[in-house]
Each structure stands twice: as structure tokens, then as C-alpha cells.
N, C-alpha and C. Protein backbone atom coordinates (compact mmCIF):
# COMPACT_ATOMS: atom_id res chain seq x y z
N MET A 1 67.86 98.51 95.74
CA MET A 1 67.23 98.05 94.53
C MET A 1 68.24 98.16 93.39
N ALA A 2 68.49 97.06 92.71
CA ALA A 2 69.41 97.04 91.58
C ALA A 2 68.66 97.34 90.29
N PHE A 3 69.36 97.98 89.35
CA PHE A 3 68.77 98.22 88.04
C PHE A 3 69.88 98.34 87.01
N SER A 4 69.51 98.16 85.76
CA SER A 4 70.45 98.30 84.64
C SER A 4 69.97 99.44 83.75
N LEU A 5 70.93 100.11 83.14
CA LEU A 5 70.62 101.21 82.25
C LEU A 5 71.60 101.16 81.10
N ALA A 6 71.11 101.30 79.89
CA ALA A 6 71.97 101.33 78.70
C ALA A 6 71.68 102.60 77.91
N LEU A 7 72.72 103.18 77.36
CA LEU A 7 72.58 104.36 76.51
C LEU A 7 73.03 103.99 75.10
N ALA A 8 72.24 104.36 74.11
CA ALA A 8 72.59 104.07 72.72
C ALA A 8 72.16 105.23 71.84
N GLY A 9 72.82 105.38 70.73
CA GLY A 9 72.47 106.44 69.80
C GLY A 9 73.58 106.67 68.79
N LYS A 10 73.38 107.60 67.92
CA LYS A 10 74.38 107.93 66.90
C LYS A 10 75.61 108.55 67.54
N GLY A 11 76.71 108.53 66.79
CA GLY A 11 77.95 109.14 67.27
C GLY A 11 77.81 110.63 67.46
N GLY A 12 78.47 111.14 68.50
CA GLY A 12 78.49 112.57 68.73
C GLY A 12 77.23 113.16 69.34
N THR A 13 76.38 112.30 69.92
CA THR A 13 75.13 112.80 70.49
C THR A 13 75.20 113.02 72.00
N GLY A 14 76.35 112.75 72.62
CA GLY A 14 76.51 113.02 74.05
C GLY A 14 76.29 111.84 74.97
N LYS A 15 76.33 110.63 74.43
CA LYS A 15 76.10 109.44 75.26
C LYS A 15 77.13 109.31 76.38
N THR A 16 78.40 109.49 76.04
CA THR A 16 79.47 109.36 77.03
C THR A 16 79.34 110.45 78.10
N THR A 17 79.06 111.66 77.68
CA THR A 17 78.89 112.76 78.63
C THR A 17 77.72 112.49 79.57
N LEU A 18 76.60 112.08 79.01
CA LEU A 18 75.43 111.77 79.83
C LEU A 18 75.71 110.62 80.79
N ALA A 19 76.36 109.57 80.30
CA ALA A 19 76.69 108.44 81.16
C ALA A 19 77.62 108.86 82.29
N GLY A 20 78.61 109.68 81.98
CA GLY A 20 79.53 110.16 83.00
C GLY A 20 78.83 110.99 84.06
N LEU A 21 77.97 111.89 83.62
CA LEU A 21 77.21 112.71 84.57
C LEU A 21 76.30 111.85 85.44
N LEU A 22 75.69 110.83 84.85
CA LEU A 22 74.82 109.94 85.60
C LEU A 22 75.60 109.16 86.65
N VAL A 23 76.76 108.63 86.28
CA VAL A 23 77.60 107.90 87.24
C VAL A 23 78.00 108.82 88.39
N LYS A 24 78.45 110.02 88.07
CA LYS A 24 78.85 110.97 89.11
C LYS A 24 77.67 111.32 90.02
N TYR A 25 76.49 111.48 89.46
CA TYR A 25 75.29 111.77 90.25
C TYR A 25 74.98 110.62 91.21
N LEU A 26 75.01 109.39 90.68
CA LEU A 26 74.70 108.23 91.51
C LEU A 26 75.69 108.10 92.66
N LEU A 27 76.97 108.28 92.38
CA LEU A 27 77.98 108.19 93.43
C LEU A 27 77.81 109.29 94.47
N LYS A 28 77.54 110.51 94.01
CA LYS A 28 77.36 111.65 94.92
C LYS A 28 76.20 111.42 95.87
N HIS A 29 75.17 110.73 95.40
CA HIS A 29 73.98 110.50 96.21
C HIS A 29 73.97 109.13 96.88
N GLY A 30 75.15 108.49 96.96
CA GLY A 30 75.29 107.25 97.72
C GLY A 30 74.65 106.03 97.09
N LYS A 31 74.36 106.08 95.83
CA LYS A 31 73.75 104.94 95.14
C LYS A 31 74.86 104.02 94.65
N THR A 32 75.50 103.33 95.58
CA THR A 32 76.63 102.46 95.24
C THR A 32 76.30 101.01 95.55
N PRO A 33 77.00 100.07 94.96
CA PRO A 33 78.07 100.25 93.99
C PRO A 33 77.53 100.56 92.60
N VAL A 34 78.39 101.15 91.77
CA VAL A 34 78.05 101.46 90.38
C VAL A 34 79.06 100.76 89.48
N LEU A 35 78.58 100.00 88.53
CA LEU A 35 79.44 99.38 87.52
C LEU A 35 79.18 100.10 86.20
N ALA A 36 80.18 100.78 85.69
CA ALA A 36 80.06 101.52 84.43
C ALA A 36 80.91 100.83 83.37
N VAL A 37 80.29 100.45 82.26
CA VAL A 37 80.98 99.73 81.19
C VAL A 37 80.87 100.53 79.91
N ASP A 38 82.00 100.74 79.25
CA ASP A 38 82.02 101.43 77.96
C ASP A 38 82.34 100.41 76.88
N ALA A 39 81.39 100.13 76.01
CA ALA A 39 81.58 99.14 74.94
C ALA A 39 82.09 99.77 73.65
N ASP A 40 82.42 101.03 73.68
CA ASP A 40 82.91 101.73 72.50
C ASP A 40 84.37 101.35 72.24
N SER A 41 84.69 100.98 71.01
CA SER A 41 86.07 100.62 70.69
C SER A 41 87.01 101.83 70.78
N ASN A 42 86.48 103.02 70.65
CA ASN A 42 87.25 104.25 70.81
C ASN A 42 86.92 104.90 72.15
N SER A 43 86.99 104.10 73.17
CA SER A 43 86.54 104.49 74.50
C SER A 43 87.30 105.67 75.07
N ASN A 44 86.57 106.60 75.67
CA ASN A 44 87.18 107.67 76.45
C ASN A 44 86.37 107.93 77.72
N PHE A 45 85.56 106.96 78.09
CA PHE A 45 84.71 107.09 79.28
C PHE A 45 85.55 107.31 80.53
N ASN A 46 86.73 106.67 80.56
CA ASN A 46 87.61 106.84 81.72
C ASN A 46 88.02 108.30 81.90
N GLU A 47 88.21 109.01 80.79
CA GLU A 47 88.59 110.42 80.87
C GLU A 47 87.45 111.26 81.44
N VAL A 48 86.22 110.93 81.06
CA VAL A 48 85.05 111.64 81.58
C VAL A 48 84.94 111.42 83.09
N LEU A 49 85.24 110.19 83.53
CA LEU A 49 85.14 109.86 84.95
C LEU A 49 86.38 110.25 85.74
N GLY A 50 87.47 110.57 85.03
CA GLY A 50 88.70 110.97 85.71
C GLY A 50 89.45 109.81 86.32
N VAL A 51 89.42 108.65 85.67
CA VAL A 51 90.13 107.48 86.18
C VAL A 51 91.13 106.99 85.13
N THR A 52 92.16 106.27 85.60
CA THR A 52 93.17 105.71 84.73
C THR A 52 92.84 104.25 84.44
N ILE A 53 93.01 103.85 83.19
CA ILE A 53 92.75 102.46 82.81
C ILE A 53 94.01 101.64 83.05
N ALA A 54 93.89 100.58 83.83
CA ALA A 54 95.03 99.69 84.07
C ALA A 54 95.14 98.67 82.95
N ASP A 55 94.02 98.20 82.44
CA ASP A 55 94.01 97.21 81.36
C ASP A 55 92.64 97.22 80.70
N THR A 56 92.54 96.58 79.55
CA THR A 56 91.27 96.55 78.83
C THR A 56 90.87 95.12 78.51
N LEU A 57 89.61 94.91 78.18
CA LEU A 57 89.16 93.59 77.76
C LEU A 57 89.86 93.18 76.47
N GLY A 58 90.10 94.13 75.59
CA GLY A 58 90.81 93.84 74.35
C GLY A 58 92.21 93.30 74.61
N ASN A 59 92.92 93.90 75.56
CA ASN A 59 94.25 93.40 75.92
C ASN A 59 94.17 92.02 76.53
N ALA A 60 93.17 91.78 77.37
CA ALA A 60 92.99 90.46 77.98
C ALA A 60 92.70 89.41 76.91
N ARG A 61 91.88 89.77 75.93
CA ARG A 61 91.56 88.85 74.84
C ARG A 61 92.82 88.49 74.05
N GLU A 62 93.64 89.48 73.74
CA GLU A 62 94.87 89.22 72.99
C GLU A 62 95.82 88.33 73.79
N SER A 63 95.91 88.55 75.10
CA SER A 63 96.75 87.70 75.95
C SER A 63 96.25 86.27 75.95
N MET A 64 94.94 86.10 75.99
CA MET A 64 94.36 84.75 75.97
C MET A 64 94.64 84.07 74.64
N LYS A 65 94.55 84.80 73.54
CA LYS A 65 94.85 84.23 72.22
C LYS A 65 96.29 83.72 72.15
N LYS A 66 97.20 84.44 72.80
CA LYS A 66 98.61 84.07 72.79
C LYS A 66 98.94 83.02 73.85
N GLY A 67 97.95 82.64 74.66
CA GLY A 67 98.17 81.64 75.70
C GLY A 67 98.88 82.18 76.92
N ASN A 68 98.84 83.48 77.12
CA ASN A 68 99.52 84.10 78.26
C ASN A 68 98.66 84.19 79.51
N VAL A 69 97.45 83.70 79.44
CA VAL A 69 96.55 83.79 80.60
C VAL A 69 96.23 82.41 81.09
């Protein structure tokens, strides 16, 4: 069963921490695949999940503006 979940609220309320814990819980319990998207311009969701960012949507957008894509 597929579902979507969004977290919103004021800054500093723990949204990123809660989202990271939720992703880790879902993966631990075999609820895959999981697509986690961080729409924050000051994103650090990757650090919470322990993954390295290869590229960002912002970088892709800038490349498209310059005609490099």
C-alpha cells in the first residue's frame, strides 16, 4: 500500500529529526521503497540519514539555465 506523508511547521520544531527517524523506522521494518524529499533551502536531511549528496535540484536548475543539460 502506497501513501504520502508531509511534515510542516515552524523552524526549529524537529521536522527534520522526525522525518529522519520515520524514514529509518520504515526501512528497518521493510516498508520499501521510501522516497524522502527535503524541500528546505538549507537542507541537512542527508546528514540525518547519513548519506552523501551527489547533486541537488538547485544545481540541475542552474545547469539547465546555462544550457548545459
